[in-house]
Amino acid sequence: HNLFVVEDNAQAIGADYIFSNGNKQKLGTIGDVGCTSFFPSKNLGCYGDGGALFTKDEELAKKINIIVDHGSAKRYYHSAIGVNSRLDTLQAAVLLAKLPRLDSYNAKRIASANYYDKKLKGIAGIKTPQRATWSTHVFHQYTILIENGNRDKVVEAFKKENIPCGVYYPVPLHLQEAYTNDVYEKGDMPISERASQSVMSLPMHTELTEEMQDYIVDMVVGNLD
């Protein structure tokens, strides 16, 4: 359709897309440009803020390099209006050390997600993440849906025990103050609104043990009505 495709790969680095003919391609490398985040909590994270763009187009890569460095290909000479989005050397060094371990990191996350699936299977009032057949999943988050209005009760129980958890995101975009206008109001997007009141992300990282996960799952189940 002659569309320019920008892939948001901020939470999926290392995952594969599986085409109908069986071919696989890394997410972030399929579109014209792929964007990823290196925030410390990401699957491939640095020690501060950072990110990257991927492209196979050499001319586009040159333009991107100019834009991210104050619009300059040569110091003090600016051929475009740019920004300061350079990745500093320290963050690059951290990422270069961690990049060869990305697949093993993701494998640990997948194993932990599989264990969560196993422990939460068949529990009334809990929906676990769906797995797409056309893509692998690297589980930057493991987000469950807690039905019957129990989400906040479970979150509070986690906080009392100092167990990290997340609610991404408590307010749907159409109800954010920044976007308040006469177009949308509460009730216009019931699925998004219901999800925002029901989702909860359980601890997910490369150091989880089954004993930790058993404790986490018991905390969830023990606080359902």
N, C-alpha and C. Protein backbone atom coordinates (compact mmCIF):
# COMPACT_ATOMS: atom_id res chain seq x y z
N HIS A 1 0.81 -1.22 0.00
CA HIS A 1 0.00 0.00 0.00
C HIS A 1 0.84 1.27 0.00
N ASN A 2 2.15 1.13 -0.24
CA ASN A 2 3.07 2.27 -0.27
C ASN A 2 3.07 3.04 1.05
N LEU A 3 2.95 2.32 2.14
CA LEU A 3 3.00 2.94 3.47
C LEU A 3 4.42 2.86 4.03
N PHE A 4 4.78 3.88 4.79
CA PHE A 4 6.07 3.88 5.50
C PHE A 4 5.82 3.31 6.88
N VAL A 5 6.49 2.21 7.22
CA VAL A 5 6.21 1.49 8.46
C VAL A 5 7.28 1.75 9.50
N VAL A 6 6.84 2.26 10.66
CA VAL A 6 7.71 2.45 11.81
C VAL A 6 7.28 1.44 12.88
N GLU A 7 8.18 0.54 13.25
CA GLU A 7 7.87 -0.48 14.25
C GLU A 7 8.23 0.01 15.65
N ASP A 8 7.30 -0.11 16.57
CA ASP A 8 7.56 0.13 17.97
C ASP A 8 8.02 -1.19 18.59
N ASN A 9 9.30 -1.30 18.85
CA ASN A 9 9.88 -2.54 19.37
C ASN A 9 10.40 -2.35 20.80
N ALA A 10 9.84 -1.39 21.51
CA ALA A 10 10.37 -1.02 22.82
C ALA A 10 10.28 -2.14 23.85
N GLN A 11 9.34 -3.06 23.68
CA GLN A 11 9.17 -4.12 24.67
C GLN A 11 9.30 -5.51 24.06
N ALA A 12 9.84 -5.60 22.86
CA ALA A 12 9.85 -6.90 22.18
C ALA A 12 11.18 -7.25 21.54
N ILE A 13 12.27 -6.61 21.96
CA ILE A 13 13.55 -6.88 21.31
C ILE A 13 13.96 -8.33 21.50
N GLY A 14 14.34 -8.97 20.41
CA GLY A 14 14.71 -10.38 20.44
C GLY A 14 13.62 -11.32 20.02
N ALA A 15 12.37 -10.84 19.91
CA ALA A 15 11.26 -11.69 19.50
C ALA A 15 11.26 -11.87 17.98
N ASP A 16 10.67 -12.97 17.52
CA ASP A 16 10.60 -13.30 16.10
C ASP A 16 9.17 -13.18 15.58
N TYR A 17 9.03 -12.64 14.37
CA TYR A 17 7.75 -12.71 13.65
C TYR A 17 7.84 -13.87 12.68
N ILE A 18 6.82 -14.69 12.63
CA ILE A 18 6.81 -15.87 11.78
C ILE A 18 5.85 -15.65 10.62
N PHE A 19 6.38 -15.59 9.41
CA PHE A 19 5.56 -15.35 8.23
C PHE A 19 4.82 -16.62 7.82
N SER A 20 3.84 -16.46 6.94
CA SER A 20 3.00 -17.59 6.54
C SER A 20 3.79 -18.70 5.85
N ASN A 21 4.96 -18.34 5.26
CA ASN A 21 5.79 -19.36 4.61
C ASN A 21 6.79 -20.01 5.57
N GLY A 22 6.71 -19.64 6.86
CA GLY A 22 7.59 -20.23 7.86
C GLY A 22 8.85 -19.45 8.14
N ASN A 23 9.14 -18.44 7.31
CA ASN A 23 10.33 -17.62 7.55
C ASN A 23 10.17 -16.80 8.82
N LYS A 24 11.30 -16.58 9.50
CA LYS A 24 11.29 -15.78 10.73
C LYS A 24 12.13 -14.52 10.54
N GLN A 25 11.70 -13.46 11.20
CA GLN A 25 12.46 -12.21 11.16
C GLN A 25 12.31 -11.50 12.50
N LYS A 26 13.42 -10.93 12.98
CA LYS A 26 13.39 -10.26 14.27
C LYS A 26 12.48 -9.04 14.22
N LEU A 27 11.67 -8.87 15.25
CA LEU A 27 10.85 -7.67 15.36
C LEU A 27 11.76 -6.45 15.46
N GLY A 28 11.35 -5.39 14.81
CA GLY A 28 12.17 -4.19 14.73
C GLY A 28 12.97 -4.10 13.46
N THR A 29 13.00 -5.21 12.70
CA THR A 29 13.76 -5.21 11.43
C THR A 29 12.84 -5.39 10.23
N ILE A 30 11.53 -5.39 10.46
CA ILE A 30 10.58 -5.67 9.38
C ILE A 30 10.15 -4.41 8.66
N GLY A 31 9.92 -3.33 9.40
CA GLY A 31 9.46 -2.08 8.81
C GLY A 31 10.60 -1.27 8.22
N ASP A 32 10.28 -0.06 7.79
CA ASP A 32 11.31 0.84 7.28
C ASP A 32 12.23 1.30 8.40
N VAL A 33 11.65 1.51 9.58
CA VAL A 33 12.41 1.89 10.76
C VAL A 33 11.88 1.11 11.96
N GLY A 34 12.79 0.60 12.77
CA GLY A 34 12.41 -0.01 14.03
C GLY A 34 12.91 0.85 15.18
N CYS A 35 12.10 1.00 16.22
CA CYS A 35 12.47 1.82 17.38
C CYS A 35 12.49 0.94 18.62
N THR A 36 13.53 1.07 19.42
CA THR A 36 13.56 0.31 20.68
C THR A 36 14.05 1.18 21.81
N SER A 37 13.76 0.74 23.01
CA SER A 37 14.15 1.43 24.23
C SER A 37 15.19 0.61 24.98
N PHE A 38 16.17 1.29 25.55
CA PHE A 38 17.16 0.64 26.40
C PHE A 38 17.02 1.07 27.86
N PHE A 39 15.82 1.51 28.25
CA PHE A 39 15.56 1.85 29.64
C PHE A 39 15.98 0.66 30.52
N PRO A 40 16.52 0.89 31.72
CA PRO A 40 17.09 -0.20 32.52
C PRO A 40 16.19 -1.41 32.74
N SER A 41 14.89 -1.22 32.78
CA SER A 41 13.99 -2.35 33.05
C SER A 41 13.65 -3.16 31.81
N LYS A 42 14.08 -2.70 30.63
CA LYS A 42 13.77 -3.43 29.40
C LYS A 42 14.58 -4.72 29.32
N ASN A 43 14.18 -5.62 28.40
CA ASN A 43 14.88 -6.89 28.24
C ASN A 43 16.36 -6.68 27.92
N LEU A 44 16.67 -5.67 27.13
CA LEU A 44 18.05 -5.23 26.90
C LEU A 44 18.13 -3.80 27.39
N GLY A 45 18.61 -3.62 28.62
CA GLY A 45 18.60 -2.30 29.22
C GLY A 45 20.00 -1.80 29.54
N CYS A 46 20.17 -0.49 29.49
CA CYS A 46 21.44 0.11 29.89
C CYS A 46 21.33 0.56 31.34
N TYR A 47 22.22 1.42 31.80
CA TYR A 47 22.19 1.87 33.20
C TYR A 47 21.52 3.23 33.36
N GLY A 48 20.96 3.75 32.28
CA GLY A 48 20.25 5.03 32.32
C GLY A 48 19.24 5.05 31.20
N ASP A 49 18.99 6.22 30.66
CA ASP A 49 18.08 6.31 29.53
C ASP A 49 18.84 6.05 28.24
N GLY A 50 18.18 5.41 27.29
CA GLY A 50 18.80 5.17 26.00
C GLY A 50 17.81 4.52 25.06
N GLY A 51 18.14 4.51 23.79
CA GLY A 51 17.29 3.88 22.79
C GLY A 51 18.02 3.80 21.47
N ALA A 52 17.38 3.21 20.48
CA ALA A 52 18.01 3.07 19.17
C ALA A 52 16.96 2.98 18.07
N LEU A 53 17.37 3.33 16.87
CA LEU A 53 16.57 3.15 15.67
C LEU A 53 17.29 2.17 14.76
N PHE A 54 16.52 1.30 14.09
CA PHE A 54 17.09 0.34 13.15
C PHE A 54 16.54 0.63 11.76
N THR A 55 17.40 0.56 10.75
CA THR A 55 16.93 0.68 9.37
C THR A 55 17.94 0.04 8.44
N LYS A 56 17.45 -0.47 7.30
CA LYS A 56 18.32 -1.04 6.26
C LYS A 56 18.61 -0.02 5.17
N ASP A 57 17.96 1.12 5.25
CA ASP A 57 18.09 2.17 4.23
C ASP A 57 19.28 3.07 4.59
N GLU A 58 20.35 3.00 3.82
CA GLU A 58 21.57 3.74 4.14
C GLU A 58 21.34 5.25 4.13
N GLU A 59 20.58 5.74 3.16
CA GLU A 59 20.32 7.17 3.09
C GLU A 59 19.51 7.64 4.28
N LEU A 60 18.53 6.84 4.66
CA LEU A 60 17.72 7.17 5.83
C LEU A 60 18.58 7.13 7.10
N ALA A 61 19.48 6.16 7.18
CA ALA A 61 20.38 6.07 8.34
C ALA A 61 21.24 7.33 8.46
N LYS A 62 21.70 7.85 7.33
CA LYS A 62 22.50 9.08 7.35
C LYS A 62 21.67 10.25 7.88
N LYS A 63 20.42 10.34 7.43
CA LYS A 63 19.54 11.41 7.89
C LYS A 63 19.29 11.29 9.39
N ILE A 64 19.06 10.06 9.85
CA ILE A 64 18.81 9.84 11.27
C ILE A 64 20.02 10.26 12.10
N ASN A 65 21.21 9.88 11.64
CA ASN A 65 22.43 10.23 12.37
C ASN A 65 22.62 11.74 12.46
N ILE A 66 22.21 12.44 11.42
CA ILE A 66 22.29 13.91 11.44
C ILE A 66 21.28 14.49 12.43
N ILE A 67 20.05 14.00 12.38
CA ILE A 67 18.98 14.54 13.23
C ILE A 67 19.29 14.33 14.71
N VAL A 68 19.80 13.13 15.07
CA VAL A 68 20.03 12.84 16.49
C VAL A 68 21.25 13.57 17.05
N ASP A 69 22.05 14.17 16.19
CA ASP A 69 23.24 14.89 16.65
C ASP A 69 23.14 16.36 16.29
N HIS A 70 22.07 16.99 16.79
CA HIS A 70 21.85 18.42 16.58
C HIS A 70 21.72 18.81 15.10
N GLY A 71 21.30 17.87 14.25
CA GLY A 71 21.17 18.19 12.82
C GLY A 71 22.51 18.41 12.14
N SER A 72 23.54 17.78 12.67
CA SER A 72 24.90 18.06 12.20
C SER A 72 25.63 16.79 11.77
N ALA A 73 26.17 16.80 10.55
CA ALA A 73 27.06 15.73 10.10
C ALA A 73 28.51 16.10 10.39
N LYS A 74 28.76 17.38 10.47
CA LYS A 74 30.08 17.93 10.79
C LYS A 74 29.90 18.93 11.93
N ARG A 75 30.73 18.84 12.93
CA ARG A 75 30.56 19.65 14.12
C ARG A 75 30.51 21.14 13.78
N TYR A 76 29.49 21.79 14.37
CA TYR A 76 29.23 23.23 14.19
C TYR A 76 28.62 23.58 12.84
N TYR A 77 28.35 22.60 12.00
CA TYR A 77 27.70 22.85 10.71
C TYR A 77 26.40 22.06 10.69
N HIS A 78 25.27 22.77 10.62
CA HIS A 78 23.97 22.13 10.79
C HIS A 78 23.17 22.18 9.49
N SER A 79 22.92 21.03 8.94
CA SER A 79 22.19 20.94 7.68
C SER A 79 20.71 20.66 7.87
N ALA A 80 20.30 20.39 9.11
CA ALA A 80 18.89 20.09 9.40
C ALA A 80 18.59 20.51 10.83
N ILE A 81 17.31 20.65 11.13
CA ILE A 81 16.89 20.91 12.51
C ILE A 81 16.91 19.57 13.24
N GLY A 82 17.73 19.47 14.26
CA GLY A 82 17.88 18.20 14.94
C GLY A 82 17.63 18.26 16.43
N VAL A 83 17.95 17.18 17.10
CA VAL A 83 17.79 17.07 18.54
C VAL A 83 19.07 16.45 19.11
N ASN A 84 19.18 16.44 20.42
CA ASN A 84 20.32 15.80 21.07
C ASN A 84 19.87 14.45 21.59
N SER A 85 20.02 13.40 20.79
CA SER A 85 19.56 12.06 21.17
C SER A 85 20.68 11.04 21.03
N ARG A 86 21.89 11.46 21.32
CA ARG A 86 23.01 10.54 21.22
C ARG A 86 23.04 9.57 22.39
N LEU A 87 23.48 8.36 22.15
CA LEU A 87 23.66 7.37 23.21
C LEU A 87 25.08 7.53 23.74
N ASP A 88 25.22 7.83 25.04
CA ASP A 88 26.56 8.10 25.54
C ASP A 88 27.39 6.82 25.63
N THR A 89 28.70 6.99 25.71
CA THR A 89 29.64 5.87 25.62
C THR A 89 29.44 4.86 26.74
N LEU A 90 29.15 5.33 27.95
CA LEU A 90 28.95 4.41 29.07
C LEU A 90 27.76 3.49 28.82
N GLN A 91 26.64 4.06 28.36
CA GLN A 91 25.46 3.24 28.09
C GLN A 91 25.74 2.25 26.96
N ALA A 92 26.47 2.70 25.93
CA ALA A 92 26.82 1.81 24.82
C ALA A 92 27.68 0.65 25.30
N ALA A 93 28.60 0.91 26.22
CA ALA A 93 29.47 -0.15 26.74
C ALA A 93 28.65 -1.20 27.50
N VAL A 94 27.69 -0.73 28.29
CA VAL A 94 26.83 -1.66 29.03
C VAL A 94 26.03 -2.53 28.05
N LEU A 95 25.48 -1.90 27.04
CA LEU A 95 24.66 -2.63 26.06
C LEU A 95 25.49 -3.63 25.26
N LEU A 96 26.71 -3.26 24.89
CA LEU A 96 27.57 -4.17 24.14
C LEU A 96 27.91 -5.41 24.97
N ALA A 97 28.03 -5.24 26.29
CA ALA A 97 28.30 -6.39 27.16
C ALA A 97 27.08 -7.28 27.32
N LYS A 98 25.90 -6.68 27.31
CA LYS A 98 24.67 -7.44 27.55
C LYS A 98 24.06 -8.03 26.29
N LEU A 99 24.33 -7.42 25.14
CA LEU A 99 23.69 -7.87 23.90
C LEU A 99 23.92 -9.35 23.60
N PRO A 100 25.14 -9.90 23.75
CA PRO A 100 25.33 -11.34 23.48
C PRO A 100 24.52 -12.24 24.39
N ARG A 101 24.03 -11.70 25.50
CA ARG A 101 23.26 -12.50 26.46
C ARG A 101 21.75 -12.33 26.28
N LEU A 102 21.34 -11.54 25.31
CA LEU A 102 19.92 -11.22 25.15
C LEU A 102 19.07 -12.47 24.97
N ASP A 103 19.50 -13.39 24.12
CA ASP A 103 18.70 -14.60 23.87
C ASP A 103 18.54 -15.42 25.15
N SER A 104 19.60 -15.54 25.93
CA SER A 104 19.50 -16.31 27.18
C SER A 104 18.63 -15.59 28.20
N TYR A 105 18.71 -14.25 28.22
CA TYR A 105 17.83 -13.47 29.10
C TYR A 105 16.36 -13.73 28.73
N ASN A 106 16.07 -13.64 27.44
CA ASN A 106 14.70 -13.85 26.98
C ASN A 106 14.23 -15.27 27.25
N ALA A 107 15.13 -16.24 27.11
CA ALA A 107 14.76 -17.63 27.38
C ALA A 107 14.34 -17.82 28.83
N LYS A 108 15.03 -17.12 29.75
CA LYS A 108 14.67 -17.20 31.17
C LYS A 108 13.30 -16.57 31.41
N ARG A 109 13.03 -15.46 30.73
CA ARG A 109 11.72 -14.83 30.88
C ARG A 109 10.61 -15.75 30.36
N ILE A 110 10.86 -16.37 29.22
CA ILE A 110 9.86 -17.28 28.64
C ILE A 110 9.60 -18.45 29.59
N ALA A 111 10.68 -19.00 30.18
CA ALA A 111 10.52 -20.12 31.12
C ALA A 111 9.69 -19.68 32.33
N SER A 112 9.94 -18.47 32.82
CA SER A 112 9.16 -17.97 33.96
C SER A 112 7.71 -17.75 33.57
N ALA A 113 7.47 -17.25 32.36
CA ALA A 113 6.09 -17.05 31.88
C ALA A 113 5.37 -18.39 31.76
N ASN A 114 6.07 -19.40 31.27
CA ASN A 114 5.48 -20.73 31.15
C ASN A 114 5.09 -21.27 32.53
N TYR A 115 5.93 -20.99 33.53
CA TYR A 115 5.63 -21.47 34.88
C TYR A 115 4.43 -20.73 35.47
N TYR A 116 4.38 -19.42 35.24
CA TYR A 116 3.19 -18.67 35.66
C TYR A 116 1.94 -19.26 35.00
N ASP A 117 2.01 -19.50 33.70
CA ASP A 117 0.86 -20.08 32.98
C ASP A 117 0.41 -21.37 33.64
N LYS A 118 1.38 -22.21 33.96
CA LYS A 118 1.09 -23.51 34.56
C LYS A 118 0.41 -23.35 35.92
N LYS A 119 0.94 -22.45 36.75
CA LYS A 119 0.42 -22.28 38.11
C LYS A 119 -0.94 -21.58 38.13
N LEU A 120 -1.20 -20.72 37.15
CA LEU A 120 -2.45 -19.95 37.13
C LEU A 120 -3.54 -20.59 36.28
N LYS A 121 -3.20 -21.66 35.59
CA LYS A 121 -4.16 -22.32 34.70
C LYS A 121 -5.38 -22.82 35.49
N GLY A 122 -6.56 -22.47 34.97
CA GLY A 122 -7.78 -22.98 35.55
C GLY A 122 -8.27 -22.24 36.79
N ILE A 123 -7.57 -21.19 37.20
CA ILE A 123 -8.00 -20.45 38.39
C ILE A 123 -9.08 -19.45 37.98
N ALA A 124 -10.25 -19.58 38.58
CA ALA A 124 -11.38 -18.72 38.23
C ALA A 124 -11.04 -17.26 38.52
N GLY A 125 -11.41 -16.39 37.59
CA GLY A 125 -11.21 -14.97 37.78
C GLY A 125 -9.87 -14.46 37.32
N ILE A 126 -9.04 -15.34 36.73
CA ILE A 126 -7.72 -14.95 36.24
C ILE A 126 -7.60 -15.29 34.76
N LYS A 127 -7.17 -14.32 33.96
CA LYS A 127 -6.85 -14.56 32.56
C LYS A 127 -5.37 -14.29 32.35
N THR A 128 -4.67 -15.27 31.81
CA THR A 128 -3.24 -15.13 31.56
C THR A 128 -3.00 -14.61 30.14
N PRO A 129 -1.79 -14.13 29.85
CA PRO A 129 -1.53 -13.56 28.52
C PRO A 129 -1.72 -14.57 27.40
N GLN A 130 -2.28 -14.10 26.31
CA GLN A 130 -2.42 -14.95 25.13
C GLN A 130 -1.10 -15.02 24.38
N ARG A 131 -0.86 -16.13 23.71
CA ARG A 131 0.34 -16.30 22.90
C ARG A 131 -0.07 -16.32 21.43
N ALA A 132 0.52 -15.45 20.63
CA ALA A 132 0.23 -15.42 19.20
C ALA A 132 1.01 -16.53 18.50
N THR A 133 0.37 -17.22 17.57
CA THR A 133 1.03 -18.30 16.85
C THR A 133 2.01 -17.78 15.81
N TRP A 134 1.85 -16.50 15.41
CA TRP A 134 2.70 -15.95 14.35
C TRP A 134 3.88 -15.15 14.91
N SER A 135 4.08 -15.21 16.23
CA SER A 135 5.18 -14.45 16.81
C SER A 135 5.61 -15.09 18.12
N THR A 136 6.91 -15.02 18.40
CA THR A 136 7.35 -15.42 19.73
C THR A 136 7.13 -14.25 20.69
N HIS A 137 7.21 -14.54 21.98
CA HIS A 137 6.93 -13.53 23.00
C HIS A 137 8.11 -13.51 23.97
N VAL A 138 8.68 -12.34 24.23
CA VAL A 138 9.84 -12.26 25.12
C VAL A 138 9.49 -11.73 26.50
N PHE A 139 8.22 -11.47 26.75
CA PHE A 139 7.70 -11.17 28.09
C PHE A 139 8.47 -10.09 28.82
N HIS A 140 8.49 -8.91 28.21
CA HIS A 140 8.97 -7.76 28.97
C HIS A 140 8.11 -7.59 30.22
N GLN A 141 6.82 -7.84 30.07
CA GLN A 141 5.90 -7.88 31.20
C GLN A 141 5.13 -9.20 31.16
N TYR A 142 4.69 -9.67 32.32
CA TYR A 142 3.73 -10.77 32.38
C TYR A 142 2.48 -10.20 33.02
N THR A 143 1.50 -9.88 32.19
CA THR A 143 0.32 -9.16 32.65
C THR A 143 -0.90 -10.07 32.66
N ILE A 144 -1.53 -10.16 33.80
CA ILE A 144 -2.75 -10.95 33.94
C ILE A 144 -3.94 -10.01 34.04
N LEU A 145 -5.12 -10.54 33.78
CA LEU A 145 -6.36 -9.80 33.96
C LEU A 145 -7.12 -10.44 35.12
N ILE A 146 -7.39 -9.64 36.14
CA ILE A 146 -8.08 -10.12 37.34
C ILE A 146 -9.52 -9.64 37.30
N GLU A 147 -10.45 -10.56 37.22
CA GLU A 147 -11.86 -10.21 37.06
C GLU A 147 -12.53 -9.99 38.42
N ASN A 148 -13.79 -9.59 38.36
CA ASN A 148 -14.66 -9.46 39.53
C ASN A 148 -14.21 -8.36 40.49
N GLY A 149 -13.49 -7.35 39.97
CA GLY A 149 -13.13 -6.21 40.79
C GLY A 149 -12.08 -6.48 41.85
N ASN A 150 -11.31 -7.55 41.70
CA ASN A 150 -10.33 -7.93 42.72
C ASN A 150 -8.93 -7.36 42.49
N ARG A 151 -8.70 -6.68 41.37
CA ARG A 151 -7.34 -6.25 41.04
C ARG A 151 -6.71 -5.38 42.12
N ASP A 152 -7.41 -4.34 42.55
CA ASP A 152 -6.84 -3.42 43.52
C ASP A 152 -6.56 -4.10 44.85
N LYS A 153 -7.38 -5.04 45.23
CA LYS A 153 -7.16 -5.79 46.46
C LYS A 153 -5.87 -6.59 46.38
N VAL A 154 -5.62 -7.21 45.24
CA VAL A 154 -4.40 -7.99 45.05
C VAL A 154 -3.18 -7.07 45.04
N VAL A 155 -3.30 -5.93 44.36
CA VAL A 155 -2.18 -4.98 44.30
C VAL A 155 -1.82 -4.49 45.70
N GLU A 156 -2.81 -4.19 46.51
CA GLU A 156 -2.55 -3.72 47.87
C GLU A 156 -1.86 -4.79 48.70
N ALA A 157 -2.25 -6.03 48.50
CA ALA A 157 -1.62 -7.14 49.22
C ALA A 157 -0.15 -7.26 48.84
N PHE A 158 0.14 -7.07 47.56
CA PHE A 158 1.53 -7.10 47.09
C PHE A 158 2.34 -5.98 47.73
N LYS A 159 1.76 -4.80 47.79
CA LYS A 159 2.47 -3.65 48.36
C LYS A 159 2.80 -3.88 49.83
N LYS A 160 1.88 -4.47 50.58
CA LYS A 160 2.10 -4.73 52.00
C LYS A 160 3.27 -5.70 52.21
N GLU A 161 3.45 -6.60 51.24
CA GLU A 161 4.54 -7.58 51.33
C GLU A 161 5.80 -7.11 50.59
N ASN A 162 5.77 -5.86 50.09
CA ASN A 162 6.90 -5.30 49.33
C ASN A 162 7.28 -6.16 48.12
N ILE A 163 6.25 -6.70 47.46
CA ILE A 163 6.46 -7.46 46.22
C ILE A 163 6.20 -6.51 45.05
N PRO A 164 7.18 -6.28 44.20
CA PRO A 164 6.97 -5.36 43.07
C PRO A 164 5.88 -5.88 42.14
N CYS A 165 5.05 -4.98 41.68
CA CYS A 165 4.05 -5.31 40.67
C CYS A 165 3.73 -4.02 39.91
N GLY A 166 3.01 -4.13 38.83
CA GLY A 166 2.72 -2.94 38.05
C GLY A 166 1.30 -2.93 37.52
N VAL A 167 0.76 -1.73 37.34
CA VAL A 167 -0.52 -1.55 36.67
C VAL A 167 -0.26 -0.65 35.46
N TYR A 168 -0.20 -1.26 34.29
CA TYR A 168 0.08 -0.53 33.05
C TYR A 168 -1.17 -0.63 32.15
N TYR A 169 -1.99 0.35 32.09
CA TYR A 169 -1.91 1.70 32.63
C TYR A 169 -3.23 1.99 33.29
N PRO A 170 -3.24 2.75 34.42
CA PRO A 170 -4.48 2.90 35.20
C PRO A 170 -5.53 3.78 34.54
N VAL A 171 -5.11 4.65 33.61
CA VAL A 171 -6.06 5.56 32.95
C VAL A 171 -5.94 5.38 31.43
N PRO A 172 -7.03 5.01 30.74
CA PRO A 172 -6.98 4.88 29.29
C PRO A 172 -6.63 6.20 28.61
N LEU A 173 -6.06 6.14 27.44
CA LEU A 173 -5.59 7.34 26.76
C LEU A 173 -6.72 8.34 26.54
N HIS A 174 -7.90 7.86 26.17
CA HIS A 174 -8.99 8.79 25.85
C HIS A 174 -9.54 9.50 27.08
N LEU A 175 -9.15 9.05 28.28
CA LEU A 175 -9.60 9.71 29.51
C LEU A 175 -8.49 10.50 30.19
N GLN A 176 -7.31 10.56 29.57
CA GLN A 176 -6.22 11.35 30.12
C GLN A 176 -6.56 12.84 30.04
N GLU A 177 -6.17 13.59 31.06
CA GLU A 177 -6.48 15.02 31.09
C GLU A 177 -5.92 15.76 29.88
N ALA A 178 -4.74 15.32 29.43
CA ALA A 178 -4.09 15.99 28.29
C ALA A 178 -4.92 15.89 27.02
N TYR A 179 -5.77 14.88 26.94
CA TYR A 179 -6.57 14.68 25.73
C TYR A 179 -8.06 14.94 25.96
N THR A 180 -8.37 15.58 27.07
CA THR A 180 -9.77 15.87 27.35
C THR A 180 -10.34 16.86 26.33
N ASN A 181 -11.41 16.46 25.69
CA ASN A 181 -12.11 17.35 24.75
C ASN A 181 -13.56 16.88 24.64
N ASP A 182 -14.25 17.36 23.66
CA ASP A 182 -15.67 17.03 23.51
C ASP A 182 -15.91 15.75 22.70
N VAL A 183 -14.83 15.07 22.34
CA VAL A 183 -14.97 13.89 21.46
C VAL A 183 -15.30 12.64 22.26
N TYR A 184 -14.54 12.39 23.35
CA TYR A 184 -14.72 11.16 24.11
C TYR A 184 -15.14 11.45 25.54
N GLU A 185 -15.81 10.50 26.13
CA GLU A 185 -16.15 10.56 27.54
C GLU A 185 -16.16 9.15 28.10
N LYS A 186 -16.22 9.06 29.41
CA LYS A 186 -16.21 7.76 30.06
C LYS A 186 -17.36 6.90 29.55
N GLY A 187 -17.02 5.67 29.19
CA GLY A 187 -18.01 4.75 28.65
C GLY A 187 -17.91 4.58 27.15
N ASP A 188 -17.15 5.46 26.48
CA ASP A 188 -17.03 5.37 25.03
C ASP A 188 -16.19 4.18 24.58
N MET A 189 -15.23 3.79 25.41
CA MET A 189 -14.34 2.67 25.06
C MET A 189 -14.34 1.69 26.24
N PRO A 190 -15.42 0.93 26.37
CA PRO A 190 -15.60 0.09 27.56
C PRO A 190 -14.55 -1.00 27.74
N ILE A 191 -14.02 -1.54 26.65
CA ILE A 191 -13.02 -2.60 26.79
C ILE A 191 -11.73 -2.04 27.38
N SER A 192 -11.29 -0.89 26.85
CA SER A 192 -10.08 -0.25 27.39
C SER A 192 -10.28 0.14 28.85
N GLU A 193 -11.45 0.68 29.15
CA GLU A 193 -11.72 1.11 30.52
C GLU A 193 -11.78 -0.07 31.48
N ARG A 194 -12.39 -1.15 31.04
CA ARG A 194 -12.46 -2.35 31.89
C ARG A 194 -11.08 -2.95 32.10
N ALA A 195 -10.28 -2.97 31.04
CA ALA A 195 -8.92 -3.52 31.15
C ALA A 195 -8.08 -2.69 32.11
N SER A 196 -8.22 -1.36 32.05
CA SER A 196 -7.41 -0.49 32.91
C SER A 196 -7.70 -0.73 34.38
N GLN A 197 -8.87 -1.24 34.69
CA GLN A 197 -9.25 -1.51 36.07
C GLN A 197 -9.03 -2.96 36.47
N SER A 198 -8.50 -3.76 35.53
CA SER A 198 -8.42 -5.21 35.79
C SER A 198 -7.03 -5.81 35.60
N VAL A 199 -6.13 -5.11 34.89
CA VAL A 199 -4.83 -5.70 34.58
C VAL A 199 -3.83 -5.49 35.70
N MET A 200 -2.89 -6.42 35.78
CA MET A 200 -1.82 -6.35 36.78
C MET A 200 -0.63 -7.11 36.23
N SER A 201 0.55 -6.50 36.30
CA SER A 201 1.76 -7.16 35.84
C SER A 201 2.51 -7.75 37.02
N LEU A 202 2.75 -9.06 36.95
CA LEU A 202 3.47 -9.76 38.01
C LEU A 202 4.98 -9.59 37.82
N PRO A 203 5.77 -9.81 38.87
CA PRO A 203 7.22 -9.71 38.72
C PRO A 203 7.72 -10.56 37.56
N MET A 204 8.57 -9.97 36.74
CA MET A 204 9.13 -10.68 35.58
C MET A 204 10.55 -10.18 35.34
N HIS A 205 11.51 -11.06 35.55
CA HIS A 205 12.91 -10.73 35.28
C HIS A 205 13.70 -12.04 35.17
N THR A 206 14.98 -11.92 34.92
CA THR A 206 15.79 -13.11 34.63
C THR A 206 16.21 -13.89 35.87
N GLU A 207 15.98 -13.33 37.07
CA GLU A 207 16.44 -14.00 38.29
C GLU A 207 15.32 -14.69 39.06
N LEU A 208 14.13 -14.77 38.48
CA LEU A 208 13.01 -15.42 39.16
C LEU A 208 13.29 -16.92 39.34
N THR A 209 12.94 -17.43 40.51
CA THR A 209 12.99 -18.87 40.75
C THR A 209 11.56 -19.40 40.87
N GLU A 210 11.38 -20.69 40.74
CA GLU A 210 10.05 -21.26 40.88
C GLU A 210 9.52 -21.05 42.29
N GLU A 211 10.40 -21.07 43.29
CA GLU A 211 9.97 -20.81 44.66
C GLU A 211 9.40 -19.40 44.80
N MET A 212 10.07 -18.42 44.18
CA MET A 212 9.56 -17.05 44.19
C MET A 212 8.19 -16.98 43.51
N GLN A 213 8.08 -17.65 42.37
CA GLN A 213 6.83 -17.60 41.62
C GLN A 213 5.70 -18.29 42.36
N ASP A 214 6.01 -19.36 43.06
CA ASP A 214 4.98 -20.02 43.88
C ASP A 214 4.43 -19.05 44.92
N TYR A 215 5.32 -18.30 45.55
CA TYR A 215 4.91 -17.33 46.56
C TYR A 215 4.06 -16.23 45.93
N ILE A 216 4.47 -15.77 44.76
CA ILE A 216 3.73 -14.70 44.05
C ILE A 216 2.33 -15.18 43.68
N VAL A 217 2.25 -16.36 43.11
CA VAL A 217 0.95 -16.91 42.70
C VAL A 217 0.06 -17.12 43.92
N ASP A 218 0.62 -17.61 45.02
CA ASP A 218 -0.18 -17.80 46.24
C ASP A 218 -0.73 -16.46 46.73
N MET A 219 0.05 -15.38 46.59
CA MET A 219 -0.41 -14.06 46.98
C MET A 219 -1.58 -13.61 46.11
N VAL A 220 -1.53 -13.90 44.83
CA VAL A 220 -2.63 -13.54 43.93
C VAL A 220 -3.88 -14.33 44.31
N VAL A 221 -3.75 -15.64 44.33
CA VAL A 221 -4.91 -16.52 44.57
C VAL A 221 -5.50 -16.27 45.96
N GLY A 222 -4.64 -16.02 46.95
CA GLY A 222 -5.11 -15.83 48.31
C GLY A 222 -5.88 -14.54 48.53
N ASN A 223 -5.85 -13.65 47.57
CA ASN A 223 -6.55 -12.38 47.72
C ASN A 223 -7.70 -12.21 46.73
N LEU A 224 -8.14 -13.32 46.15
CA LEU A 224 -9.33 -13.30 45.32
C LEU A 224 -10.55 -13.57 46.18
N ASP A 225 -11.65 -12.95 45.85
CA ASP A 225 -12.89 -13.20 46.61
C ASP A 225 -13.39 -14.62 46.36
